[in-house]
């Protein structure tokens, strides 16, 4: 079952934008909630409709943490499309750390409108001790459940 995307992940106003050409999911700010990650025509259509309606597109960037099934490994990353990026991690589409250590579970994320602050936060968090990262995760997700399912 597909859930509509919310502007602030359940905090504040919820805004769902349907993608008329997509029969499986919804599109919010250019992010598809279905597993088909090739919605470029929908994204273009959404941008065109937004600009015609006088709305400015707000770009979001995400700092996120992934872990493996046993919560023994932590990975910190940054992206401009959280759903797509986690999908890539889960399906081993990108070679590297998360593929090698099976980090397929999204356990924490934070969004921002500024890419520089997202990159700075990612670099800062990569230097943190594990206990600092665990404290941040526990505030948002004390059960360490996979948050990906709440996004799609």
N, C-alpha and C. Protein backbone atom coordinates (compact mmCIF):
# COMPACT_ATOMS: atom_id res chain seq x y z
N UNK A 1 0.84 -1.18 0.00
CA UNK A 1 0.00 0.00 0.00
C UNK A 1 0.88 1.23 0.00
N UNK A 2 0.53 2.19 -0.82
CA UNK A 2 1.34 3.40 -0.92
C UNK A 2 0.75 4.51 -0.06
N UNK A 3 1.59 5.19 0.66
CA UNK A 3 1.17 6.31 1.47
C UNK A 3 1.65 7.58 0.81
N UNK A 4 0.88 8.65 0.92
CA UNK A 4 1.30 9.93 0.38
C UNK A 4 2.45 10.50 1.19
N UNK A 5 3.28 11.27 0.56
CA UNK A 5 4.41 11.88 1.24
C UNK A 5 3.90 13.07 2.06
N UNK A 6 4.51 13.33 3.20
CA UNK A 6 4.16 14.47 4.01
C UNK A 6 5.31 15.44 4.01
N UNK A 7 4.99 16.71 4.13
CA UNK A 7 6.00 17.75 4.00
C UNK A 7 7.07 17.65 5.05
N UNK A 8 6.70 17.36 6.30
CA UNK A 8 7.70 17.31 7.36
C UNK A 8 7.66 15.99 8.10
N UNK A 9 7.37 14.91 7.41
CA UNK A 9 7.38 13.56 7.98
C UNK A 9 6.48 13.44 9.21
N UNK A 10 5.26 13.95 9.08
CA UNK A 10 4.29 13.80 10.15
C UNK A 10 4.21 15.00 11.08
N UNK A 11 5.10 15.96 10.94
CA UNK A 11 5.07 17.14 11.80
C UNK A 11 4.55 18.30 10.96
N UNK A 12 3.58 19.01 11.44
CA UNK A 12 3.07 20.15 10.69
C UNK A 12 2.02 19.71 9.68
N UNK A 13 1.83 20.55 8.66
CA UNK A 13 0.81 20.27 7.67
C UNK A 13 1.22 19.12 6.77
N UNK A 14 0.23 18.35 6.36
CA UNK A 14 0.48 17.27 5.42
C UNK A 14 -0.01 17.73 4.05
N UNK A 15 0.77 17.42 3.05
CA UNK A 15 0.42 17.83 1.71
C UNK A 15 0.73 16.69 0.76
N UNK A 16 -0.29 16.16 0.11
CA UNK A 16 -0.11 15.04 -0.81
C UNK A 16 -0.42 15.52 -2.22
N UNK A 17 0.49 15.24 -3.13
CA UNK A 17 0.32 15.67 -4.51
C UNK A 17 0.26 14.41 -5.38
N UNK A 18 -0.87 14.13 -6.02
CA UNK A 18 -0.95 12.94 -6.85
C UNK A 18 -0.20 13.11 -8.16
N UNK A 19 0.36 12.03 -8.65
CA UNK A 19 1.00 12.03 -9.97
C UNK A 19 0.01 11.40 -10.94
N UNK A 20 -0.61 12.20 -11.80
CA UNK A 20 -1.69 11.69 -12.63
C UNK A 20 -1.28 10.52 -13.53
N UNK A 21 -0.05 10.49 -14.01
CA UNK A 21 0.37 9.45 -14.92
C UNK A 21 0.86 8.20 -14.20
N UNK A 22 1.05 8.27 -12.89
CA UNK A 22 1.56 7.14 -12.13
C UNK A 22 0.39 6.40 -11.51
N UNK A 23 0.19 5.15 -11.89
CA UNK A 23 -0.94 4.41 -11.36
C UNK A 23 -0.60 3.63 -10.09
N UNK A 24 0.64 3.73 -9.60
CA UNK A 24 1.03 2.96 -8.43
C UNK A 24 1.28 3.82 -7.20
N UNK A 25 1.55 5.08 -7.35
CA UNK A 25 1.92 5.85 -6.18
C UNK A 25 1.61 7.32 -6.33
N UNK A 26 2.23 8.08 -5.50
CA UNK A 26 2.04 9.52 -5.51
C UNK A 26 3.41 10.17 -5.62
N UNK A 27 3.38 11.43 -5.99
CA UNK A 27 4.61 12.17 -6.17
C UNK A 27 4.56 13.40 -5.28
N UNK A 28 5.58 13.63 -4.51
CA UNK A 28 5.64 14.82 -3.68
C UNK A 28 6.98 15.49 -3.91
N UNK A 29 6.95 16.71 -4.36
CA UNK A 29 8.17 17.50 -4.59
C UNK A 29 9.20 16.71 -5.40
N UNK A 30 8.72 15.98 -6.40
CA UNK A 30 9.63 15.25 -7.27
C UNK A 30 10.11 13.93 -6.71
N UNK A 31 9.55 13.47 -5.57
CA UNK A 31 9.99 12.20 -4.98
C UNK A 31 8.85 11.22 -5.14
N UNK A 32 9.11 10.12 -5.79
CA UNK A 32 8.10 9.10 -5.99
C UNK A 32 8.00 8.23 -4.75
N UNK A 33 6.80 7.85 -4.38
CA UNK A 33 6.67 6.97 -3.23
C UNK A 33 6.53 5.52 -3.67
N UNK A 34 6.46 5.26 -4.95
CA UNK A 34 6.45 3.86 -5.36
C UNK A 34 7.87 3.45 -5.72
N UNK A 35 8.10 2.20 -5.92
CA UNK A 35 9.46 1.72 -6.07
C UNK A 35 10.03 1.95 -7.45
N UNK A 36 9.22 2.45 -8.36
CA UNK A 36 9.73 2.80 -9.68
C UNK A 36 10.47 4.12 -9.55
N UNK A 37 11.79 4.08 -9.64
CA UNK A 37 12.56 5.29 -9.38
C UNK A 37 12.82 6.10 -10.64
N UNK A 38 12.13 5.77 -11.74
CA UNK A 38 12.34 6.51 -12.98
C UNK A 38 11.10 7.34 -13.32
N UNK A 39 10.79 8.29 -12.51
CA UNK A 39 9.63 9.15 -12.72
C UNK A 39 10.04 10.53 -13.22
N UNK A 40 11.03 10.60 -14.08
CA UNK A 40 11.51 11.91 -14.50
C UNK A 40 10.43 12.71 -15.22
N UNK A 41 9.58 12.04 -15.99
CA UNK A 41 8.53 12.80 -16.68
C UNK A 41 7.55 13.38 -15.67
N UNK A 42 7.24 12.63 -14.59
CA UNK A 42 6.36 13.13 -13.54
C UNK A 42 7.02 14.30 -12.83
N UNK A 43 8.32 14.18 -12.55
CA UNK A 43 9.03 15.24 -11.84
C UNK A 43 8.99 16.52 -12.65
N UNK A 44 9.21 16.41 -13.96
CA UNK A 44 9.18 17.58 -14.83
C UNK A 44 7.79 18.18 -14.84
N UNK A 45 6.78 17.32 -14.94
CA UNK A 45 5.40 17.79 -14.94
C UNK A 45 5.08 18.50 -13.64
N UNK A 46 5.53 17.94 -12.50
CA UNK A 46 5.27 18.56 -11.21
C UNK A 46 5.91 19.94 -11.14
N UNK A 47 7.18 20.04 -11.59
CA UNK A 47 7.87 21.33 -11.56
C UNK A 47 7.15 22.34 -12.43
N UNK A 48 6.69 21.92 -13.61
CA UNK A 48 5.98 22.82 -14.51
C UNK A 48 4.68 23.30 -13.87
N UNK A 49 3.93 22.39 -13.24
CA UNK A 49 2.69 22.78 -12.59
C UNK A 49 2.94 23.72 -11.42
N UNK A 50 4.00 23.46 -10.66
CA UNK A 50 4.32 24.30 -9.51
C UNK A 50 4.67 25.70 -9.94
N UNK A 51 5.48 25.81 -11.00
CA UNK A 51 5.89 27.14 -11.43
C UNK A 51 4.71 27.89 -12.02
N UNK A 52 3.78 27.17 -12.68
CA UNK A 52 2.60 27.83 -13.22
C UNK A 52 1.69 28.31 -12.10
N UNK A 53 1.65 27.58 -11.01
CA UNK A 53 0.77 27.94 -9.89
C UNK A 53 1.40 29.02 -9.03
N UNK A 54 2.61 29.45 -9.33
CA UNK A 54 3.26 30.50 -8.58
C UNK A 54 3.97 30.00 -7.33
N UNK A 55 4.06 28.67 -7.16
CA UNK A 55 4.73 28.11 -6.00
C UNK A 55 6.21 27.93 -6.30
N UNK A 56 7.04 28.20 -5.31
CA UNK A 56 8.46 27.95 -5.46
C UNK A 56 8.76 26.53 -5.01
N UNK A 57 9.59 25.82 -5.79
CA UNK A 57 9.98 24.47 -5.39
C UNK A 57 11.07 24.59 -4.34
N UNK A 58 10.84 23.97 -3.19
CA UNK A 58 11.80 23.99 -2.10
C UNK A 58 12.59 22.70 -2.18
N UNK A 59 13.88 22.82 -2.39
CA UNK A 59 14.74 21.65 -2.49
C UNK A 59 15.09 21.20 -1.08
N UNK A 60 15.00 19.90 -0.84
CA UNK A 60 15.36 19.34 0.46
C UNK A 60 16.57 18.44 0.32
N UNK A 61 17.39 18.45 1.32
CA UNK A 61 18.55 17.60 1.40
C UNK A 61 18.46 16.84 2.71
N UNK A 62 18.98 15.62 2.72
CA UNK A 62 18.83 14.75 3.87
C UNK A 62 20.18 14.22 4.33
N UNK A 63 20.39 14.25 5.64
CA UNK A 63 21.47 13.52 6.28
C UNK A 63 20.78 12.31 6.90
N UNK A 64 21.37 11.13 6.73
CA UNK A 64 20.69 9.92 7.17
C UNK A 64 21.68 8.90 7.71
N UNK A 65 21.16 7.96 8.49
CA UNK A 65 21.97 6.85 9.00
C UNK A 65 21.30 5.53 8.66
N UNK A 66 22.14 4.59 8.25
CA UNK A 66 21.70 3.24 7.92
C UNK A 66 22.45 2.28 8.84
N UNK A 67 21.87 1.11 9.05
CA UNK A 67 22.54 0.07 9.82
C UNK A 67 22.23 -1.29 9.21
N UNK A 68 22.88 -2.32 9.73
CA UNK A 68 22.63 -3.69 9.26
C UNK A 68 21.53 -4.33 10.12
N UNK A 69 21.22 -5.57 9.85
CA UNK A 69 20.13 -6.26 10.55
C UNK A 69 20.37 -6.40 12.04
N UNK A 70 21.63 -6.46 12.45
CA UNK A 70 21.97 -6.64 13.86
C UNK A 70 22.33 -5.33 14.56
N UNK A 71 22.20 -4.21 13.87
CA UNK A 71 22.50 -2.87 14.41
C UNK A 71 23.94 -2.74 14.89
N UNK A 72 24.85 -3.46 14.26
CA UNK A 72 26.25 -3.41 14.70
C UNK A 72 27.10 -2.45 13.89
N UNK A 73 26.61 -2.01 12.74
CA UNK A 73 27.37 -1.11 11.86
C UNK A 73 26.52 0.12 11.59
N UNK A 74 27.13 1.30 11.62
CA UNK A 74 26.42 2.54 11.30
C UNK A 74 27.06 3.21 10.10
N UNK A 75 26.22 3.70 9.21
CA UNK A 75 26.66 4.44 8.03
C UNK A 75 25.95 5.79 8.02
N UNK A 76 26.68 6.86 7.79
CA UNK A 76 26.11 8.21 7.69
C UNK A 76 26.26 8.68 6.25
N UNK A 77 25.19 9.21 5.68
CA UNK A 77 25.23 9.69 4.31
C UNK A 77 24.42 10.95 4.13
N UNK A 78 24.51 11.53 2.93
CA UNK A 78 23.74 12.72 2.58
C UNK A 78 23.19 12.53 1.17
N UNK A 79 21.99 13.04 0.92
CA UNK A 79 21.35 12.89 -0.39
C UNK A 79 20.31 13.99 -0.59
N UNK A 80 19.89 14.16 -1.84
CA UNK A 80 18.80 15.08 -2.12
C UNK A 80 17.51 14.32 -2.41
N UNK A 81 17.57 13.00 -2.42
CA UNK A 81 16.39 12.16 -2.67
C UNK A 81 16.48 10.93 -1.76
N UNK A 82 15.93 11.03 -0.58
CA UNK A 82 16.08 10.00 0.44
C UNK A 82 15.49 8.66 0.02
N UNK A 83 14.31 8.67 -0.55
CA UNK A 83 13.66 7.42 -0.93
C UNK A 83 14.50 6.69 -1.98
N UNK A 84 14.94 7.40 -3.00
CA UNK A 84 15.75 6.78 -4.05
C UNK A 84 17.05 6.23 -3.48
N UNK A 85 17.70 7.03 -2.62
CA UNK A 85 19.00 6.63 -2.10
C UNK A 85 18.90 5.40 -1.20
N UNK A 86 17.90 5.35 -0.33
CA UNK A 86 17.72 4.18 0.53
C UNK A 86 17.36 2.96 -0.31
N UNK A 87 16.55 3.16 -1.33
CA UNK A 87 16.22 2.07 -2.25
C UNK A 87 17.50 1.50 -2.87
N UNK A 88 18.41 2.37 -3.27
CA UNK A 88 19.68 1.93 -3.84
C UNK A 88 20.49 1.13 -2.82
N UNK A 89 20.54 1.60 -1.58
CA UNK A 89 21.25 0.86 -0.52
C UNK A 89 20.61 -0.51 -0.30
N UNK A 90 19.31 -0.55 -0.19
CA UNK A 90 18.60 -1.80 0.11
C UNK A 90 18.79 -2.85 -0.99
N UNK A 91 18.93 -2.39 -2.21
CA UNK A 91 19.03 -3.31 -3.34
C UNK A 91 20.45 -3.46 -3.87
N UNK A 92 21.42 -3.00 -3.07
CA UNK A 92 22.85 -3.13 -3.42
C UNK A 92 23.16 -2.60 -4.82
N UNK A 93 22.55 -1.49 -5.19
CA UNK A 93 22.77 -0.90 -6.51
C UNK A 93 24.04 -0.07 -6.56
N UNK A 94 24.60 0.24 -5.40
CA UNK A 94 25.82 1.04 -5.32
C UNK A 94 26.86 0.26 -4.54
N UNK A 95 28.02 0.11 -5.15
CA UNK A 95 29.11 -0.59 -4.47
C UNK A 95 29.68 0.31 -3.38
N UNK A 96 30.12 -0.29 -2.31
CA UNK A 96 30.75 0.48 -1.25
C UNK A 96 30.43 -0.08 0.12
N UNK A 97 30.52 0.80 1.10
CA UNK A 97 30.39 0.44 2.50
C UNK A 97 29.07 -0.26 2.81
N UNK A 98 27.96 0.34 2.38
CA UNK A 98 26.66 -0.23 2.75
C UNK A 98 26.42 -1.58 2.09
N UNK A 99 26.96 -1.78 0.91
CA UNK A 99 26.85 -3.08 0.26
C UNK A 99 27.72 -4.11 0.98
N UNK A 100 28.94 -3.71 1.30
CA UNK A 100 29.89 -4.62 1.94
C UNK A 100 29.41 -5.07 3.32
N UNK A 101 28.84 -4.13 4.09
CA UNK A 101 28.42 -4.43 5.47
C UNK A 101 26.91 -4.60 5.62
N UNK A 102 26.20 -4.72 4.50
CA UNK A 102 24.75 -5.01 4.49
C UNK A 102 23.94 -3.99 5.30
N UNK A 103 24.25 -2.72 5.13
CA UNK A 103 23.49 -1.65 5.80
C UNK A 103 22.27 -1.34 4.95
N UNK A 104 21.16 -1.97 5.27
CA UNK A 104 19.95 -1.85 4.47
C UNK A 104 18.78 -1.27 5.26
N UNK A 105 19.03 -0.82 6.47
CA UNK A 105 17.95 -0.35 7.33
C UNK A 105 18.15 1.14 7.64
N UNK A 106 17.18 1.97 7.20
CA UNK A 106 17.21 3.41 7.50
C UNK A 106 16.72 3.60 8.93
N UNK A 107 17.59 4.15 9.78
CA UNK A 107 17.20 4.28 11.19
C UNK A 107 17.10 5.72 11.67
N UNK A 108 17.61 6.66 10.87
CA UNK A 108 17.55 8.07 11.28
C UNK A 108 17.73 8.94 10.04
N UNK A 109 17.04 10.08 10.02
CA UNK A 109 17.28 11.07 8.98
C UNK A 109 16.84 12.44 9.46
N UNK A 110 17.40 13.44 8.81
CA UNK A 110 17.10 14.84 9.12
C UNK A 110 17.10 15.59 7.80
N UNK A 111 16.13 16.47 7.60
CA UNK A 111 16.13 17.23 6.35
C UNK A 111 16.49 18.68 6.59
N UNK A 112 16.98 19.30 5.53
CA UNK A 112 17.35 20.71 5.55
C UNK A 112 17.17 21.26 4.14
N UNK A 113 17.07 22.55 4.02
CA UNK A 113 16.93 23.19 2.72
C UNK A 113 18.25 23.65 2.15
N UNK A 114 19.34 23.39 2.85
CA UNK A 114 20.65 23.90 2.45
C UNK A 114 21.65 22.76 2.30
N UNK A 115 22.19 22.58 1.10
CA UNK A 115 23.12 21.48 0.86
C UNK A 115 24.40 21.63 1.66
N UNK A 116 24.87 22.85 1.84
CA UNK A 116 26.11 23.07 2.60
C UNK A 116 25.95 22.61 4.05
N UNK A 117 24.82 22.94 4.67
CA UNK A 117 24.61 22.50 6.05
C UNK A 117 24.44 20.99 6.14
N UNK A 118 23.84 20.38 5.12
CA UNK A 118 23.69 18.92 5.11
C UNK A 118 25.06 18.24 5.02
N UNK A 119 25.91 18.73 4.15
CA UNK A 119 27.25 18.14 3.99
C UNK A 119 28.08 18.36 5.25
N UNK A 120 27.98 19.55 5.82
CA UNK A 120 28.71 19.85 7.06
C UNK A 120 28.26 18.92 8.18
N UNK A 121 26.94 18.73 8.32
CA UNK A 121 26.41 17.85 9.36
C UNK A 121 26.86 16.40 9.14
N UNK A 122 26.85 15.95 7.88
CA UNK A 122 27.31 14.58 7.59
C UNK A 122 28.77 14.41 8.00
N UNK A 123 29.61 15.33 7.61
CA UNK A 123 31.04 15.24 7.94
C UNK A 123 31.25 15.26 9.45
N UNK A 124 30.49 16.11 10.14
CA UNK A 124 30.60 16.21 11.59
C UNK A 124 30.19 14.88 12.24
N UNK A 125 29.07 14.32 11.78
CA UNK A 125 28.56 13.08 12.37
C UNK A 125 29.48 11.89 12.10
N UNK A 126 30.13 11.88 10.95
CA UNK A 126 31.05 10.78 10.65
C UNK A 126 32.22 10.74 11.63
N UNK A 127 32.53 11.87 12.26
CA UNK A 127 33.61 11.93 13.23
C UNK A 127 33.15 11.60 14.65
N UNK A 128 31.84 11.57 14.87
CA UNK A 128 31.31 11.29 16.19
C UNK A 128 31.62 9.86 16.63
N UNK A 129 31.71 9.69 17.94
CA UNK A 129 31.79 8.35 18.51
C UNK A 129 30.43 7.68 18.33
N UNK A 130 30.45 6.37 18.35
CA UNK A 130 29.21 5.61 18.16
C UNK A 130 28.14 5.99 19.18
N UNK A 131 28.52 6.21 20.43
CA UNK A 131 27.53 6.53 21.46
C UNK A 131 26.79 7.83 21.15
N UNK A 132 27.46 8.82 20.56
CA UNK A 132 26.79 10.06 20.18
C UNK A 132 25.75 9.78 19.10
N UNK A 133 26.12 8.96 18.12
CA UNK A 133 25.20 8.61 17.04
C UNK A 133 24.01 7.83 17.60
N UNK A 134 24.27 6.91 18.51
CA UNK A 134 23.19 6.14 19.12
C UNK A 134 22.21 7.04 19.86
N UNK A 135 22.71 8.05 20.56
CA UNK A 135 21.84 8.98 21.28
C UNK A 135 20.91 9.72 20.32
N UNK A 136 21.43 10.16 19.18
CA UNK A 136 20.62 10.85 18.19
C UNK A 136 19.56 9.91 17.62
N UNK A 137 19.95 8.69 17.32
CA UNK A 137 19.01 7.70 16.78
C UNK A 137 17.92 7.40 17.80
N UNK A 138 18.31 7.19 19.06
CA UNK A 138 17.34 6.84 20.10
C UNK A 138 16.31 7.92 20.35
N UNK A 139 16.66 9.18 20.14
CA UNK A 139 15.68 10.26 20.30
C UNK A 139 14.59 10.20 19.24
N UNK A 140 14.96 9.84 18.02
CA UNK A 140 13.99 9.80 16.93
C UNK A 140 13.36 8.43 16.77
N UNK A 141 14.14 7.38 17.01
CA UNK A 141 13.72 6.03 16.67
C UNK A 141 14.23 5.04 17.74
N UNK A 142 13.66 5.06 18.94
CA UNK A 142 14.19 4.24 20.03
C UNK A 142 14.16 2.74 19.76
N UNK A 143 13.28 2.28 18.90
CA UNK A 143 13.20 0.85 18.58
C UNK A 143 14.11 0.47 17.43
N UNK A 144 14.74 1.43 16.81
CA UNK A 144 15.61 1.22 15.65
C UNK A 144 14.89 0.47 14.53
N UNK A 145 13.64 0.84 14.29
CA UNK A 145 12.89 0.22 13.19
C UNK A 145 13.33 0.83 11.87
N UNK A 146 13.06 0.15 10.78
CA UNK A 146 13.39 0.65 9.45
C UNK A 146 12.39 1.74 9.08
N UNK A 147 12.86 2.96 8.96
CA UNK A 147 12.00 4.10 8.67
C UNK A 147 11.62 4.21 7.19
N UNK A 148 12.27 3.45 6.35
CA UNK A 148 11.97 3.48 4.92
C UNK A 148 10.50 3.19 4.67
N UNK A 149 9.94 2.24 5.40
CA UNK A 149 8.55 1.87 5.23
C UNK A 149 7.59 3.02 5.57
N UNK A 150 8.02 3.95 6.39
CA UNK A 150 7.17 5.10 6.71
C UNK A 150 7.22 6.16 5.61
N UNK A 151 8.20 6.05 4.72
CA UNK A 151 8.36 7.04 3.65
C UNK A 151 7.65 6.62 2.37
N UNK A 152 7.51 5.33 2.14
CA UNK A 152 6.89 4.85 0.88
C UNK A 152 5.48 4.41 1.09
